[in-house]
């Protein structure tokens, strides 16, 4: 499936910002799952491209002149493979054991530990996690506005509601508590429903020597509609745009992402 992506982010400030730095994980990488046909970032200044500790493509955008707004746009065309994305991690620099580390956003509490152990069967790990994925969604129905971006897995699990970020944090917490390496994925999702949010988050878990994808919000392991941008321990590591600034007062942010299937593509 060939997809076109347009993703715009606009920041506005009540007062002049003296200095700001934006960390952009907005550039996907070539893999067996996705072939990057074209990709471009439109930025107010030239950014420094590097690679972060997780292997993501990272652009660092620094504005050291006074400004009251920032506009960032990513556009591209990507070919997505059919079926579930599988990766044995052969070309990865990090040990899988790294992905057992908990963070404040993914630290399991007693309720999450009990939930994970209830659904875990050591003799059927992939099947157990697939069932657990559905149970997380049933326990936490997709509810926009029901949680805050700063809420942890434990807080969202207790609230019993969430969005894709919360679902991913809870599932990652479950996996790591079961000694299964798991990582948070940020990216885009194609759906024929134009009202659906195109920005998305899901999880990859290492089961029987391969990384398997789990889209908890959609209760599926099939990622033929998913475009992967970045990986991390949690949302803070993998979010597409994150920054710091000096000055500016109150901040407003508007982000719009559209993912469409190219005409004539299956």
Protein backbone atom coordinates (compact mmCIF):
# COMPACT_ATOMS: atom_id res chain seq x y z
CA UNK A 1 0.00 0.00 0.00
CA UNK A 2 1.38 3.41 -0.98
CA UNK A 3 0.55 6.23 1.43
CA UNK A 4 0.96 10.00 1.31
CA UNK A 5 1.54 11.85 4.56
CA UNK A 6 1.13 15.51 5.45
CA UNK A 7 1.80 16.49 9.05
CA UNK A 8 1.87 20.11 10.21
CA UNK A 9 2.63 21.46 13.69
CA UNK A 10 2.26 25.12 14.59
CA UNK A 11 3.30 26.72 17.88
CA UNK A 12 2.18 30.20 18.88
CA UNK A 13 3.22 32.16 21.98
CA UNK A 14 1.72 35.06 23.91
CA UNK A 15 5.12 36.71 24.22
CA UNK A 16 8.40 36.66 22.31
CA UNK A 17 10.49 33.52 22.76
CA UNK A 18 14.17 34.36 23.24
CA UNK A 19 15.49 30.91 22.34
CA UNK A 20 13.96 27.52 21.52
CA UNK A 21 15.12 24.05 20.57
CA UNK A 22 12.83 21.48 18.98
CA UNK A 23 13.69 17.78 18.84
CA UNK A 24 12.01 16.29 15.78
CA UNK A 25 11.53 12.57 15.27
CA UNK A 26 9.54 13.11 12.10
CA UNK A 27 11.56 11.08 9.60
CA UNK A 28 10.80 7.38 9.06
CA UNK A 29 13.49 4.84 8.24
CA UNK A 30 13.72 2.23 5.53
CA UNK A 31 12.90 -1.32 6.66
CA UNK A 32 11.34 -4.57 5.48
CA UNK A 33 7.99 -3.09 6.52
CA UNK A 34 8.25 0.32 4.86
CA UNK A 35 9.96 1.71 1.76
CA UNK A 36 10.51 5.48 1.84
CA UNK A 37 9.83 6.83 -1.64
CA UNK A 38 10.15 10.50 -0.67
CA UNK A 39 10.26 12.50 2.55
CA UNK A 40 10.78 16.19 3.29
CA UNK A 41 10.76 18.50 6.30
CA UNK A 42 9.84 22.16 5.91
CA UNK A 43 11.37 24.11 8.81
CA UNK A 44 11.93 27.79 9.65
CA UNK A 45 15.70 27.22 9.91
CA UNK A 46 18.10 24.47 8.88
CA UNK A 47 18.18 21.69 11.45
CA UNK A 48 21.04 19.42 12.49
CA UNK A 49 20.37 15.77 11.61
CA UNK A 50 21.70 13.05 13.87
CA UNK A 51 20.69 9.69 15.36
CA UNK A 52 19.43 9.36 18.92
CA UNK A 53 20.29 6.63 21.42
CA UNK A 54 17.48 4.41 20.12
CA UNK A 55 18.54 4.67 16.47
CA UNK A 56 15.79 7.12 15.48
CA UNK A 57 16.51 9.82 12.93
CA UNK A 58 16.58 13.04 14.96
CA UNK A 59 16.55 16.63 13.71
CA UNK A 60 17.49 19.34 16.19
CA UNK A 61 15.96 22.69 15.26
CA UNK A 62 17.41 25.68 17.12
CA UNK A 63 15.99 29.19 16.90
CA UNK A 64 18.29 31.64 18.67
CA UNK A 65 16.49 34.78 17.52
CA UNK A 66 13.30 36.24 19.02
CA UNK A 67 10.17 34.58 17.62
CA UNK A 68 6.50 34.26 18.47
CA UNK A 69 5.59 31.21 16.38
CA UNK A 70 7.12 28.04 14.89
CA UNK A 71 5.76 26.07 11.94
CA UNK A 72 6.97 22.55 11.14
CA UNK A 73 5.75 20.39 8.28
CA UNK A 74 6.57 16.83 7.20
CA UNK A 75 5.43 15.42 3.87
CA UNK A 76 6.22 12.16 2.14
CA UNK A 77 5.26 9.05 0.23
CA UNK A 78 5.85 5.60 1.73
CA UNK A 79 5.16 2.05 0.53
CA UNK A 80 3.88 -0.19 3.34
CA UNK A 81 4.20 -4.00 3.23
CA UNK A 82 1.20 -6.25 3.81
CA UNK A 83 0.72 -8.27 6.98
CA UNK A 84 2.39 -8.08 10.38
CA UNK A 85 5.78 -6.39 10.66
CA UNK A 86 8.38 -8.87 11.93
CA UNK A 87 11.96 -8.01 12.81
CA UNK A 88 14.57 -10.25 14.42
CA UNK A 89 16.67 -7.24 15.48
CA UNK A 90 19.77 -8.43 13.62
CA UNK A 91 20.86 -4.91 12.64
CA UNK A 92 20.06 -3.21 15.94
CA UNK A 93 22.81 -1.72 18.09
CA UNK A 94 20.96 -2.05 21.40
CA UNK A 95 20.59 -5.25 23.37
CA UNK A 96 16.96 -6.39 23.76
CA UNK A 97 17.53 -6.34 27.51
CA UNK A 98 17.54 -2.53 27.35
CA UNK A 99 13.80 -2.66 26.67
CA UNK A 100 13.06 -4.24 30.05
CA UNK A 101 13.69 -0.91 31.78
CA UNK A 102 10.70 0.78 33.41
CA UNK A 103 10.20 4.55 33.27
CA UNK A 104 7.97 6.83 35.35
CA UNK A 105 5.35 6.67 32.57
CA UNK A 106 5.47 2.86 32.29
CA UNK A 107 6.15 1.78 35.88
CA UNK A 108 3.60 -0.94 36.75
CA UNK A 109 1.71 -0.74 40.01
CA UNK A 110 0.08 -3.64 41.86
CA UNK A 111 -3.05 -3.54 39.68
CA UNK A 112 -1.07 -3.76 36.44
CA UNK A 113 1.14 -6.54 37.81
CA UNK A 114 -1.91 -8.56 38.83
CA UNK A 115 -3.57 -7.95 35.45
CA UNK A 116 -0.47 -9.06 33.52
CA UNK A 117 0.01 -12.22 35.55
CA UNK A 118 -3.67 -13.10 35.26
CA UNK A 119 -3.46 -13.28 31.46
CA UNK A 120 0.06 -14.64 31.07
CA UNK A 121 0.76 -18.23 29.99
CA UNK A 122 4.45 -19.01 29.72
CA UNK A 123 3.78 -21.92 27.34
CA UNK A 124 1.95 -19.65 24.87
CA UNK A 125 3.62 -16.22 25.02
CA UNK A 126 2.40 -14.75 21.73
CA UNK A 127 -1.14 -15.97 22.25
CA UNK A 128 -1.10 -14.65 25.82
CA UNK A 129 -0.03 -11.17 24.73
CA UNK A 130 -2.62 -11.15 21.95
CA UNK A 131 -5.35 -11.93 24.47
CA UNK A 132 -3.91 -9.38 26.88
CA UNK A 133 -4.04 -6.72 24.15
CA UNK A 134 -7.80 -7.18 23.82
CA UNK A 135 -8.25 -7.21 27.58
CA UNK A 136 -6.38 -3.89 27.96
CA UNK A 137 -8.71 -2.30 25.41
CA UNK A 138 -11.77 -3.73 27.16
CA UNK A 139 -10.51 -2.49 30.52
CA UNK A 140 -9.64 0.94 29.05
CA UNK A 141 -12.02 1.89 26.21
CA UNK A 142 -10.71 4.48 23.77
CA UNK A 143 -11.82 7.78 25.30
CA UNK A 144 -10.36 11.04 23.93
CA UNK A 145 -9.99 13.60 26.68
CA UNK A 146 -10.27 11.01 29.44
CA UNK A 147 -6.57 11.26 30.31
CA UNK A 148 -3.78 13.83 30.18
CA UNK A 149 -0.56 13.52 28.18
CA UNK A 150 1.38 13.46 31.47
CA UNK A 151 -0.60 10.56 32.95
CA UNK A 152 1.33 7.37 33.67
CA UNK A 153 0.29 3.85 32.80
CA UNK A 154 -0.83 3.28 36.39
CA UNK A 155 -2.96 6.44 36.40
CA UNK A 156 -4.63 5.62 33.08
CA UNK A 157 -5.22 2.00 34.10
CA UNK A 158 -6.87 3.13 37.32
CA UNK A 159 -9.03 5.63 35.41
CA UNK A 160 -10.20 2.86 33.09
CA UNK A 161 -10.03 5.02 29.96
CA UNK A 162 -7.36 6.16 27.54
CA UNK A 163 -6.10 6.88 24.06
CA UNK A 164 -3.41 5.12 22.04
CA UNK A 165 -0.60 6.58 24.15
CA UNK A 166 -2.17 5.24 27.35
CA UNK A 167 -2.90 1.84 25.82
CA UNK A 168 0.72 1.57 24.69
CA UNK A 169 2.09 2.60 28.09
CA UNK A 170 -0.04 0.04 29.92
CA UNK A 171 0.83 -2.76 27.50
CA UNK A 172 4.54 -1.93 27.70
CA UNK A 173 4.29 -1.97 31.51
CA UNK A 174 2.63 -5.39 31.39
CA UNK A 175 5.25 -6.85 29.04
CA UNK A 176 8.24 -5.56 30.97
CA UNK A 177 6.77 -6.81 34.25
CA UNK A 178 6.66 -10.27 32.62
CA UNK A 179 10.34 -9.94 31.60
CA UNK A 180 9.40 -9.40 27.94
CA UNK A 181 11.33 -6.61 26.19
CA UNK A 182 8.87 -4.04 24.86
CA UNK A 183 9.14 -0.63 23.23
CA UNK A 184 6.81 2.27 22.54
CA UNK A 185 6.27 3.11 18.85
CA UNK A 186 5.11 6.43 17.42
CA UNK A 187 3.94 6.84 13.84
CA UNK A 188 1.00 7.24 11.52
CA UNK A 189 -2.06 5.13 10.83
CA UNK A 190 -4.06 5.04 7.62
CA UNK A 191 -7.81 4.56 7.90
CA UNK A 192 -10.57 5.23 5.36
CA UNK A 193 -12.35 7.19 8.09
CA UNK A 194 -11.13 10.76 7.64
CA UNK A 195 -12.27 11.65 11.16
CA UNK A 196 -9.79 9.19 12.68
CA UNK A 197 -6.64 10.64 14.24
CA UNK A 198 -3.73 9.91 11.89
CA UNK A 199 -1.02 10.16 14.57
CA UNK A 200 -0.80 6.88 16.43
CA UNK A 201 1.10 4.83 19.00
CA UNK A 202 1.51 1.09 19.39
CA UNK A 203 3.94 -1.43 20.89
CA UNK A 204 6.60 -3.87 19.74
CA UNK A 205 7.35 -6.82 22.02
CA UNK A 206 10.14 -9.37 21.62
CA UNK A 207 8.58 -12.82 21.57
CA UNK A 208 10.45 -15.99 20.60
CA UNK A 209 13.32 -14.04 19.04
CA UNK A 210 11.25 -11.64 16.92
CA UNK A 211 9.70 -8.23 17.43
CA UNK A 212 5.92 -8.42 17.09
CA UNK A 213 3.64 -5.40 16.76
CA UNK A 214 0.61 -4.86 19.00
CA UNK A 215 -1.81 -2.06 18.18
CA UNK A 216 -3.85 -2.12 21.36
CA UNK A 217 -6.25 0.67 20.38
CA UNK A 218 -7.33 -1.27 17.28
CA UNK A 219 -6.81 -4.73 18.84
CA UNK A 220 -4.65 -5.99 15.98
CA UNK A 221 -1.16 -7.28 15.23
CA UNK A 222 -1.50 -6.45 11.54
CA UNK A 223 0.45 -3.29 10.71
CA UNK A 224 -0.21 -2.98 6.98
CA UNK A 225 -1.78 0.45 7.64
CA UNK A 226 0.96 1.66 10.00
CA UNK A 227 3.97 3.87 9.25
CA UNK A 228 6.63 3.73 11.96
CA UNK A 229 8.45 6.93 12.90
CA UNK A 230 10.33 6.34 16.15
CA UNK A 231 10.84 3.97 19.08
CA UNK A 232 11.52 4.65 22.75
CA UNK A 233 10.94 3.58 26.33
CA UNK A 234 7.76 5.69 26.36
CA UNK A 235 5.98 8.66 24.75
CA UNK A 236 8.64 11.16 25.80
CA UNK A 237 11.36 9.27 23.91
CA UNK A 238 9.41 8.72 20.70
CA UNK A 239 7.01 11.66 20.30
CA UNK A 240 7.42 13.34 16.88
CA UNK A 241 7.91 16.89 18.20
CA UNK A 242 9.25 17.90 21.60
CA UNK A 243 11.00 21.10 22.62
CA UNK A 244 12.26 23.54 25.22
CA UNK A 245 12.24 27.34 25.20
CA UNK A 246 13.19 30.48 27.09
CA UNK A 247 10.36 32.99 27.35
CA UNK A 248 7.13 33.05 25.37
CA UNK A 249 4.55 32.96 28.14
CA UNK A 250 1.56 30.75 27.42
CA UNK A 251 1.83 28.38 24.46
CA UNK A 252 -0.70 27.28 21.89
CA UNK A 253 -0.14 24.27 19.67
CA UNK A 254 -2.08 23.06 16.65
CA UNK A 255 -1.18 19.85 14.88
CA UNK A 256 -2.86 18.34 11.82
CA UNK A 257 -1.88 15.02 10.25
CA UNK A 258 -3.41 13.44 7.16
CA UNK A 259 -2.58 9.97 5.82
CA UNK A 260 -4.10 8.99 2.50
CA UNK A 261 -3.84 6.05 0.15
CA UNK A 262 -2.56 7.02 -3.29
CA UNK A 263 -5.05 6.56 -6.08
CA UNK A 264 -4.80 3.18 -7.78
CA UNK A 265 -2.95 1.62 -4.82
CA UNK A 266 -4.17 -1.47 -2.99
